[in-house]
């Protein structure tokens, strides 16, 4: 049990150090030495848990995805609108990390990975846009649109309510659906 707690604490220190460094410089310029210095750990400790910075970043994103999933799905409420609103609440509550990841040079697809997960988890709520191949293009457009809206919302210090932004995102999805149906 103590080893597990120690491992969790060590990983948390490394993750926090990475996020702090990403606020100062691009991800691809961050060295393992800098991460270890910031965490006050040695490189050997780093390599006990991760092979490189990308694996550490992926662990940060995976942890966010898991926490977000628990946050969204702890209610019996369904529907894409509700889930988007819960996602936005989570983003706002974890503004520092999301601001950093959304502004990063996007190593590991941090910018779109979590949104893609929400879309994938709600595919039943999304229409098919013609065939599967065409739908993938439309979903890509929707994901990038949602990412842009969320990033703009973060950059503007959450100047709109989560309900309002969720409604805007749903309108993007609906508009995409209407336009694509008229093209099919």
C-alpha atoms as a PDB file:
ATOM      1  CA  UNK A   1       0.000   0.000   0.000  1.00  0.00           C
ATOM      2  CA  UNK A   2       2.814   2.444   0.889  1.00  0.00           C
ATOM      3  CA  UNK A   3       4.585   1.721  -2.390  1.00  0.00           C
ATOM      4  CA  UNK A   4       1.364   2.409  -4.278  1.00  0.00           C
ATOM      5  CA  UNK A   5       0.860   5.696  -2.427  1.00  0.00           C
ATOM      6  CA  UNK A   6       4.508   6.608  -2.990  1.00  0.00           C
ATOM      7  CA  UNK A   7       4.203   5.775  -6.686  1.00  0.00           C
ATOM      8  CA  UNK A   8       1.080   7.922  -6.988  1.00  0.00           C
ATOM      9  CA  UNK A   9       2.789  10.811  -5.220  1.00  0.00           C
ATOM     10  CA  UNK A  10       5.885  10.534  -7.417  1.00  0.00           C
ATOM     11  CA  UNK A  11       3.807  10.444 -10.588  1.00  0.00           C
ATOM     12  CA  UNK A  12       1.789  13.413  -9.382  1.00  0.00           C
ATOM     13  CA  UNK A  13       4.978  15.407  -8.759  1.00  0.00           C
ATOM     14  CA  UNK A  14       6.255  14.584 -12.246  1.00  0.00           C
ATOM     15  CA  UNK A  15       2.912  15.441 -13.851  1.00  0.00           C
ATOM     16  CA  UNK A  16       2.666  18.751 -12.012  1.00  0.00           C
ATOM     17  CA  UNK A  17       6.229  19.601 -12.978  1.00  0.00           C
ATOM     18  CA  UNK A  18       5.508  18.879 -16.627  1.00  0.00           C
ATOM     19  CA  UNK A  19       2.382  21.072 -16.636  1.00  0.00           C
ATOM     20  CA  UNK A  20       4.301  23.919 -14.964  1.00  0.00           C
ATOM     21  CA  UNK A  21       7.108  23.657 -17.502  1.00  0.00           C
ATOM     22  CA  UNK A  22       4.608  23.561 -20.378  1.00  0.00           C
ATOM     23  CA  UNK A  23       3.359  26.942 -19.164  1.00  0.00           C
ATOM     24  CA  UNK A  24       6.852  28.313 -19.691  1.00  0.00           C
ATOM     25  CA  UNK A  25       7.981  26.673 -22.923  1.00  0.00           C
ATOM     26  CA  UNK A  26       6.883  24.355 -25.733  1.00  0.00           C
ATOM     27  CA  UNK A  27       6.556  20.694 -24.834  1.00  0.00           C
ATOM     28  CA  UNK A  28       9.165  19.560 -27.346  1.00  0.00           C
ATOM     29  CA  UNK A  29      11.778  21.745 -25.622  1.00  0.00           C
ATOM     30  CA  UNK A  30      11.218  20.309 -22.154  1.00  0.00           C
ATOM     31  CA  UNK A  31      13.898  17.898 -21.002  1.00  0.00           C
ATOM     32  CA  UNK A  32      13.647  15.067 -18.523  1.00  0.00           C
ATOM     33  CA  UNK A  33      16.299  16.820 -16.457  1.00  0.00           C
ATOM     34  CA  UNK A  34      14.099  19.923 -16.200  1.00  0.00           C
ATOM     35  CA  UNK A  35      11.111  17.838 -15.163  1.00  0.00           C
ATOM     36  CA  UNK A  36      13.166  16.049 -12.505  1.00  0.00           C
ATOM     37  CA  UNK A  37      14.721  19.279 -11.224  1.00  0.00           C
ATOM     38  CA  UNK A  38      11.290  20.879 -10.915  1.00  0.00           C
ATOM     39  CA  UNK A  39       9.907  17.807  -9.119  1.00  0.00           C
ATOM     40  CA  UNK A  40      13.036  17.537  -6.962  1.00  0.00           C
ATOM     41  CA  UNK A  41      13.475  13.942  -8.075  1.00  0.00           C
ATOM     42  CA  UNK A  42      16.342  12.200  -9.829  1.00  0.00           C
ATOM     43  CA  UNK A  43      16.304  10.836 -13.368  1.00  0.00           C
ATOM     44  CA  UNK A  44      16.381   7.254 -12.137  1.00  0.00           C
ATOM     45  CA  UNK A  45      13.078   7.861 -10.382  1.00  0.00           C
ATOM     46  CA  UNK A  46      11.632   9.323 -13.573  1.00  0.00           C
ATOM     47  CA  UNK A  47      12.671   6.247 -15.571  1.00  0.00           C
ATOM     48  CA  UNK A  48      11.088   3.932 -13.004  1.00  0.00           C
ATOM     49  CA  UNK A  49       7.726   5.339 -14.084  1.00  0.00           C
ATOM     50  CA  UNK A  50       8.106   6.704 -17.620  1.00  0.00           C
ATOM     51  CA  UNK A  51      10.246   6.107 -20.685  1.00  0.00           C
ATOM     52  CA  UNK A  52      10.110   9.717 -21.897  1.00  0.00           C
ATOM     53  CA  UNK A  53       8.258  13.043 -21.696  1.00  0.00           C
ATOM     54  CA  UNK A  54       5.594  11.914 -24.165  1.00  0.00           C
ATOM     55  CA  UNK A  55       4.640   8.961 -22.000  1.00  0.00           C
ATOM     56  CA  UNK A  56       4.388  11.324 -19.018  1.00  0.00           C
ATOM     57  CA  UNK A  57       2.159  13.696 -21.016  1.00  0.00           C
ATOM     58  CA  UNK A  58      -0.009  10.783 -22.132  1.00  0.00           C
ATOM     59  CA  UNK A  59      -0.362   9.780 -18.482  1.00  0.00           C
ATOM     60  CA  UNK A  60      -1.502  13.327 -17.629  1.00  0.00           C
ATOM     61  CA  UNK A  61      -4.093  13.214 -20.423  1.00  0.00           C
ATOM     62  CA  UNK A  62      -5.246   9.697 -19.507  1.00  0.00           C
ATOM     63  CA  UNK A  63      -5.706  10.754 -15.907  1.00  0.00           C
ATOM     64  CA  UNK A  64      -7.759  13.774 -17.032  1.00  0.00           C
ATOM     65  CA  UNK A  65      -9.845  11.530 -19.281  1.00  0.00           C
ATOM     66  CA  UNK A  66     -10.515   9.116 -16.406  1.00  0.00           C
ATOM     67  CA  UNK A  67     -11.425  11.898 -13.977  1.00  0.00           C
ATOM     68  CA  UNK A  68     -13.612  13.559 -16.596  1.00  0.00           C
ATOM     69  CA  UNK A  69     -15.367  10.290 -17.376  1.00  0.00           C
ATOM     70  CA  UNK A  70     -16.128   9.743 -13.692  1.00  0.00           C
ATOM     71  CA  UNK A  71     -17.325  13.341 -13.387  1.00  0.00           C
ATOM     72  CA  UNK A  72     -19.619  13.135 -16.412  1.00  0.00           C
ATOM     73  CA  UNK A  73     -20.978   9.659 -15.831  1.00  0.00           C
ATOM     74  CA  UNK A  74     -21.561   9.844 -12.079  1.00  0.00           C
ATOM     75  CA  UNK A  75     -25.091  10.954 -12.905  1.00  0.00           C
ATOM     76  CA  UNK A  76     -27.814   8.967 -14.619  1.00  0.00           C
ATOM     77  CA  UNK A  77     -28.491  12.007 -16.805  1.00  0.00           C
ATOM     78  CA  UNK A  78     -28.026  11.314 -20.486  1.00  0.00           C
ATOM     79  CA  UNK A  79     -27.830  13.318 -23.627  1.00  0.00           C
ATOM     80  CA  UNK A  80     -25.008  15.007 -25.383  1.00  0.00           C
ATOM     81  CA  UNK A  81     -25.982  18.480 -24.122  1.00  0.00           C
ATOM     82  CA  UNK A  82     -25.714  17.389 -20.516  1.00  0.00           C
ATOM     83  CA  UNK A  83     -22.391  15.654 -21.119  1.00  0.00           C
ATOM     84  CA  UNK A  84     -20.932  18.684 -22.906  1.00  0.00           C
ATOM     85  CA  UNK A  85     -22.037  20.931 -20.061  1.00  0.00           C
ATOM     86  CA  UNK A  86     -20.432  18.588 -17.502  1.00  0.00           C
ATOM     87  CA  UNK A  87     -17.277  18.537 -19.635  1.00  0.00           C
ATOM     88  CA  UNK A  88     -17.185  22.342 -19.630  1.00  0.00           C
ATOM     89  CA  UNK A  89     -17.696  22.451 -15.867  1.00  0.00           C
ATOM     90  CA  UNK A  90     -14.748  20.091 -15.492  1.00  0.00           C
ATOM     91  CA  UNK A  91     -12.603  22.207 -17.829  1.00  0.00           C
ATOM     92  CA  UNK A  92     -13.431  25.344 -15.874  1.00  0.00           C
ATOM     93  CA  UNK A  93     -12.659  23.612 -12.576  1.00  0.00           C
ATOM     94  CA  UNK A  94      -9.294  22.469 -13.954  1.00  0.00           C
ATOM     95  CA  UNK A  95      -8.557  25.657 -15.872  1.00  0.00           C
ATOM     96  CA  UNK A  96      -4.805  25.712 -15.276  1.00  0.00           C
ATOM     97  CA  UNK A  97      -4.226  22.247 -16.708  1.00  0.00           C
ATOM     98  CA  UNK A  98      -6.651  22.681 -19.618  1.00  0.00           C
ATOM     99  CA  UNK A  99      -5.306  26.121 -20.501  1.00  0.00           C
ATOM    100  CA  UNK A 100      -1.828  24.608 -20.634  1.00  0.00           C
ATOM    101  CA  UNK A 101      -2.800  21.531 -22.633  1.00  0.00           C
ATOM    102  CA  UNK A 102      -5.036  23.421 -25.064  1.00  0.00           C
ATOM    103  CA  UNK A 103      -2.276  25.976 -25.663  1.00  0.00           C
ATOM    104  CA  UNK A 104       0.466  23.362 -25.963  1.00  0.00           C
ATOM    105  CA  UNK A 105       2.184  22.471 -29.197  1.00  0.00           C
ATOM    106  CA  UNK A 106      -0.227  19.509 -29.099  1.00  0.00           C
ATOM    107  CA  UNK A 107       2.207  16.678 -28.616  1.00  0.00           C
ATOM    108  CA  UNK A 108       0.135  13.557 -28.214  1.00  0.00           C
ATOM    109  CA  UNK A 109      -3.029  15.214 -29.515  1.00  0.00           C
ATOM    110  CA  UNK A 110      -3.887  16.692 -26.122  1.00  0.00           C
ATOM    111  CA  UNK A 111      -5.978  19.372 -27.760  1.00  0.00           C
ATOM    112  CA  UNK A 112      -8.420  17.018 -29.432  1.00  0.00           C
ATOM    113  CA  UNK A 113      -8.070  13.730 -27.577  1.00  0.00           C
ATOM    114  CA  UNK A 114     -10.574  14.402 -24.812  1.00  0.00           C
ATOM    115  CA  UNK A 115     -13.162  15.972 -27.145  1.00  0.00           C
ATOM    116  CA  UNK A 116     -12.770  12.985 -29.458  1.00  0.00           C
ATOM    117  CA  UNK A 117     -13.503  10.691 -26.518  1.00  0.00           C
ATOM    118  CA  UNK A 118     -16.722  12.559 -25.726  1.00  0.00           C
ATOM    119  CA  UNK A 119     -17.811  12.371 -29.379  1.00  0.00           C
ATOM    120  CA  UNK A 120     -16.927   8.659 -29.528  1.00  0.00           C
ATOM    121  CA  UNK A 121     -18.827   7.973 -26.296  1.00  0.00           C
ATOM    122  CA  UNK A 122     -21.873   9.747 -27.737  1.00  0.00           C
ATOM    123  CA  UNK A 123     -21.871   8.378 -31.266  1.00  0.00           C
ATOM    124  CA  UNK A 124     -25.415   7.145 -30.756  1.00  0.00           C
ATOM    125  CA  UNK A 125     -26.458  10.794 -30.294  1.00  0.00           C
ATOM    126  CA  UNK A 126     -24.726  11.832 -33.499  1.00  0.00           C
ATOM    127  CA  UNK A 127     -26.223  11.289 -36.904  1.00  0.00           C
ATOM    128  CA  UNK A 128     -24.484   9.553 -39.751  1.00  0.00           C
ATOM    129  CA  UNK A 129     -23.488  11.978 -42.453  1.00  0.00           C
ATOM    130  CA  UNK A 130     -23.842   9.883 -45.551  1.00  0.00           C
ATOM    131  CA  UNK A 131     -21.510   6.920 -45.330  1.00  0.00           C
ATOM    132  CA  UNK A 132     -18.935   6.149 -42.637  1.00  0.00           C
ATOM    133  CA  UNK A 133     -16.085   7.721 -44.594  1.00  0.00           C
ATOM    134  CA  UNK A 134     -17.931  11.024 -45.053  1.00  0.00           C
ATOM    135  CA  UNK A 135     -19.015  10.967 -41.417  1.00  0.00           C
ATOM    136  CA  UNK A 136     -15.383  10.812 -40.284  1.00  0.00           C
ATOM    137  CA  UNK A 137     -14.702  14.075 -42.110  1.00  0.00           C
ATOM    138  CA  UNK A 138     -17.722  15.754 -40.569  1.00  0.00           C
ATOM    139  CA  UNK A 139     -16.788  14.483 -37.091  1.00  0.00           C
ATOM    140  CA  UNK A 140     -13.281  15.869 -37.575  1.00  0.00           C
ATOM    141  CA  UNK A 141     -14.805  19.229 -38.473  1.00  0.00           C
ATOM    142  CA  UNK A 142     -17.090  19.105 -35.430  1.00  0.00           C
ATOM    143  CA  UNK A 143     -14.230  18.139 -33.101  1.00  0.00           C
ATOM    144  CA  UNK A 144     -11.989  20.948 -34.362  1.00  0.00           C
ATOM    145  CA  UNK A 145     -14.900  23.385 -34.027  1.00  0.00           C
ATOM    146  CA  UNK A 146     -15.558  22.320 -30.461  1.00  0.00           C
ATOM    147  CA  UNK A 147     -11.858  22.557 -29.618  1.00  0.00           C
ATOM    148  CA  UNK A 148     -11.772  26.089 -31.046  1.00  0.00           C
ATOM    149  CA  UNK A 149     -14.835  27.152 -29.063  1.00  0.00           C
ATOM    150  CA  UNK A 150     -13.478  25.685 -25.814  1.00  0.00           C
ATOM    151  CA  UNK A 151     -10.061  27.252 -26.367  1.00  0.00           C
ATOM    152  CA  UNK A 152     -11.632  30.634 -27.105  1.00  0.00           C
ATOM    153  CA  UNK A 153     -13.753  30.296 -23.958  1.00  0.00           C
ATOM    154  CA  UNK A 154     -10.669  29.473 -21.881  1.00  0.00           C
ATOM    155  CA  UNK A 155      -8.696  32.367 -23.426  1.00  0.00           C
ATOM    156  CA  UNK A 156     -11.559  34.720 -22.538  1.00  0.00           C
ATOM    157  CA  UNK A 157     -11.470  33.624 -18.897  1.00  0.00           C
ATOM    158  CA  UNK A 158     -14.760  31.723 -19.078  1.00  0.00           C
ATOM    159  CA  UNK A 159     -16.761  34.840 -19.946  1.00  0.00           C
ATOM    160  CA  UNK A 160     -19.857  32.776 -20.805  1.00  0.00           C
ATOM    161  CA  UNK A 161     -21.647  30.260 -18.621  1.00  0.00           C
ATOM    162  CA  UNK A 162     -21.107  26.557 -19.170  1.00  0.00           C
ATOM    163  CA  UNK A 163     -24.763  26.309 -20.212  1.00  0.00           C
ATOM    164  CA  UNK A 164     -24.307  28.963 -22.907  1.00  0.00           C
ATOM    165  CA  UNK A 165     -21.135  27.401 -24.308  1.00  0.00           C
ATOM    166  CA  UNK A 166     -22.716  23.933 -24.265  1.00  0.00           C
ATOM    167  CA  UNK A 167     -25.664  25.360 -26.209  1.00  0.00           C
ATOM    168  CA  UNK A 168     -23.281  26.913 -28.760  1.00  0.00           C
ATOM    169  CA  UNK A 169     -21.491  23.601 -29.199  1.00  0.00           C
ATOM    170  CA  UNK A 170     -24.779  21.775 -29.691  1.00  0.00           C
ATOM    171  CA  UNK A 171     -25.685  24.365 -32.331  1.00  0.00           C
ATOM    172  CA  UNK A 172     -22.382  23.664 -34.116  1.00  0.00           C
ATOM    173  CA  UNK A 173     -23.225  19.952 -34.157  1.00  0.00           C
ATOM    174  CA  UNK A 174     -26.807  20.620 -35.306  1.00  0.00           C
ATOM    175  CA  UNK A 175     -25.671  23.061 -37.981  1.00  0.00           C
ATOM    176  CA  UNK A 176     -23.130  20.539 -39.238  1.00  0.00           C
ATOM    177  CA  UNK A 177     -25.869  17.927 -39.359  1.00  0.00           C
ATOM    178  CA  UNK A 178     -28.276  20.200 -41.274  1.00  0.00           C
ATOM    179  CA  UNK A 179     -25.667  21.280 -43.819  1.00  0.00           C
ATOM    180  CA  UNK A 180     -24.320  17.803 -44.402  1.00  0.00           C
ATOM    181  CA  UNK A 181     -27.806  16.358 -44.848  1.00  0.00           C
ATOM    182  CA  UNK A 182     -28.505  18.917 -47.542  1.00  0.00           C
ATOM    183  CA  UNK A 183     -25.281  17.877 -49.276  1.00  0.00           C
ATOM    184  CA  UNK A 184     -25.924  14.112 -49.126  1.00  0.00           C
END
